[in-house]
Amino acid sequence: MTRTLESLRNIGIIAHIDAGKTTVTERMLYYTKASHKMGDVDKGTTVTDFDPEEQQRGITIYSACVSFRWKDVNVNLIDTPGHVDFTAEVERSLRVLDGGVVVFSAREGVEAQSETVWRQADKYGVPRLAFINKMDREGADFSGTLDEIRKRLGANPVAIQIPCGVGPPHVANPFRGVIDLIEMRLLRFTPESQGSEVIADDIPPEMHDEAELWREQMLGQLFDYSNELAELVLEESPVPTELIRRVLREATVQRMIVPVMCGSALDHIGIQPLLDGVMYYLPSPADMPPVEGLDPRKTETKAVRKPNVDEPFSGLVFKILADKHGDLYYVRIYSGRLKANSRVFNPGKDKKENAAQLWHIQADRREQVPLAEAGDIVGVIGPRISVTGDTLCDSAEPILLESIQFPETVISMAIEPETSLERKKLGEVLEMMKRQDPTFRAHENEETGQTIISGMGELHLEVIKHRLLRDFNLDVRVHQPRVSYKETVSASAEAVGKCNRQIGGATLFAEAKVRVTPRDDNKPAHVFTNWFSEAAPARNAIATLLSSLKEHAEGGGLLGCPLWNCSIELLEYPLPEPIPTEVPLRIAAADAFNRVLEAAGVVLLEPIMAVEVTTPDDHLGDVINDLQQRRAIITSTQNRGVITVVDAEAPLAAMFGYSMAVRSLSQGRASFSMEPLKYGPAPAEVREGFL
């Protein structure tokens, strides 16, 4: 597993659902001889979609890591899901990757989830290149997609290839290859060899002028990044290929540009040049800035680790796979070396962990290795208490890296085991699934005794339900999904809560003063205090009051839903002498909590989804009418040839079963995507159900 850092590429394939990520990955594996047979998404034979649920649905659900060698570089590649319900898989993958290949469909252009993954890549500072796929489709539009990348994503795309022809074989000028604007050659991929044979030809005469224009545009965009290149262009001297590639690489690594390539993964066109693009333009771990974190021994002191094997060991757990032989922890190593049968330190938990075995991961296959080094992505068996987002490091030189933030769940449903024996097994399985999936929640409702599971969407919960029934053979009843409502306050208010009770001849007395203030940050209630006391008994009393308020905010307000979009401040208030015990303090805090919410007035909030529907113009009226009946607000419509894209904001409660409805309305020709946007006030009839 020893290799130079400069020859390593840790990349992810990211895109909207159905843009062709997994097919691109399959072709890469085949042409690099990492697999001997080309997998097919529709037949469920791909390497990275090895889970039965993925094969059955024809979509990626779990990010899969594969490794291969291409010419002079070793590539660790993560194929990520495109469906918004599994956005956590994309989030955690981008957190640990050095570069990304973003796949766009030439027919659909930049879609909703394309924007989501692009924003995630921006958040983690991931350099990327774009691959415009499906150039063989009817309605494919290379220039239109390039413009959308510029306008909708705010990127600076630089086309380094253009398509030779566009569309399927029956059109007048079908897509038959790509023109490389750097070497000014036409690259053809022979169907007989399934694209393995790449033939470099002269550019057809009818496309020569167009190719020259595109090349001039490419060089013009690179002007700002190299004086040497600018001088050669102004002198009208030949620009060496090596110089163009060097400037492209430097600007890509600095995230100033996005090189754009094109092809058709299904028709085996354009994959080898894309692999060259990964080699030439995406960064190695050595190109990335040192990773920064905190030194847990010195509060707020910054610690830095260079991507070097001689630095102290540091790594981040970004995924956990449950296994009967022991959980497998995916770790990205940022610095130093990790040996099998060694001890590592988890600074977030302040505990030491075992790293008993190290595994090189190839989708669902593994190979045990004795050592992993900076830049590697490795599977570790041995840790017990670490979770996704935790740092592992050298105990002598600890560093706490930034964790991974995941979105809140928006949908939940109840499951009930048939027997008490099944209840224990269900509890164990749900705990294991929570370790694996940071966007999955499970808790028991004390009032009903039901187990409530929560996730990111209908498909997410459906996949979890199938796993419980199929993989773990659990005998459980599953209820219909329900929306995760929240509540907030409509105004600021203050209130004093009291406890004044006679229990067993003793008087329990305490008071607490609380202020509530609305906020608009789409986050859980922030409970805090600026009240401080030098005296230990008073400090303990303040801590008890604060703890009680936090429990009530999480447990639910007057309508029984978690409190959201507000802050609750415990105000300074005279403490009686002697200082009250814990019980009256908690009663006073609960009373203050209820009183202040009554004074402020509570508002029920429901999750609002950002919905994007792509429909043929023939069915546009039916789609818009149906959305409006679902209380949706249409925010925009855009024409893309013969299809129209409708953007809307709709309450999740009204969108259950929408996938079947939109297929029915459009005779199966429309598609849609939906992702959480915000929480908004629920209508009166919904609120009445909570009273």
Foldseek 3Di string as FASTA:
>chain_A
DDDDLQQEFEEEEAEAWPLCLQLLVQLLCCLLVVDVDRDDLQCLGGLQQVDPVSSVVSWDQAWFWAWGDDVRHIYTYIYATNAQQRCLRLLLSLLQGQAYEYGGEQQVAHDDSNLVSLVSNVVNVHQYAYEHADQAAPNGHPVVNVVCCCPVNVAAEQEQKDFQFGYHPVDPGGTAAIQGLLVRWTWGADLVVLRSDIDTHHDPPVCNVVSVVSSVVNLVSLVVQDVVSVVCVVVVHDDHSVVSLVSQQVCRSVRRYHYYHYYYSVSNYDSSVVVVCSSRHTGGLQSDAWAKFAQLVDPPHIDTARLEQPTWWKWFFAFWDDDPVAIKTWIQIAAHKDFAQDWWAFSVVRDIWHQHWKWDGHNPDTDTDGMDGRRDTIITGTGDPDAHQIMITHPVGDGTGGGGDDDEFWKKWWKFAPDPVLVVVVVVVLVNVCRGRVQWDWDADPVPRTIMITGFDDVSVVVVVCCCCPVVVTRMDIDDMDTQKAKEFDAKFKDKFWAFDQDPNDTATWMWIKIKGFAAPQFFEAEEEPDDDPDPLVRVLVVLLSVLLVVDQCQGAPLRHHYTRMYMYTYDDDADPPGGDNVRSSNRSVRRRNVRRVVRDMFMKFWKKWKKKKAFPVLVVVVVVLQVVQVKDWDDWDDSDRIIITIIIGTSRSCVPVQVVVCVSRVNGMDMGIGTDHIDTDDPVVSVVSD
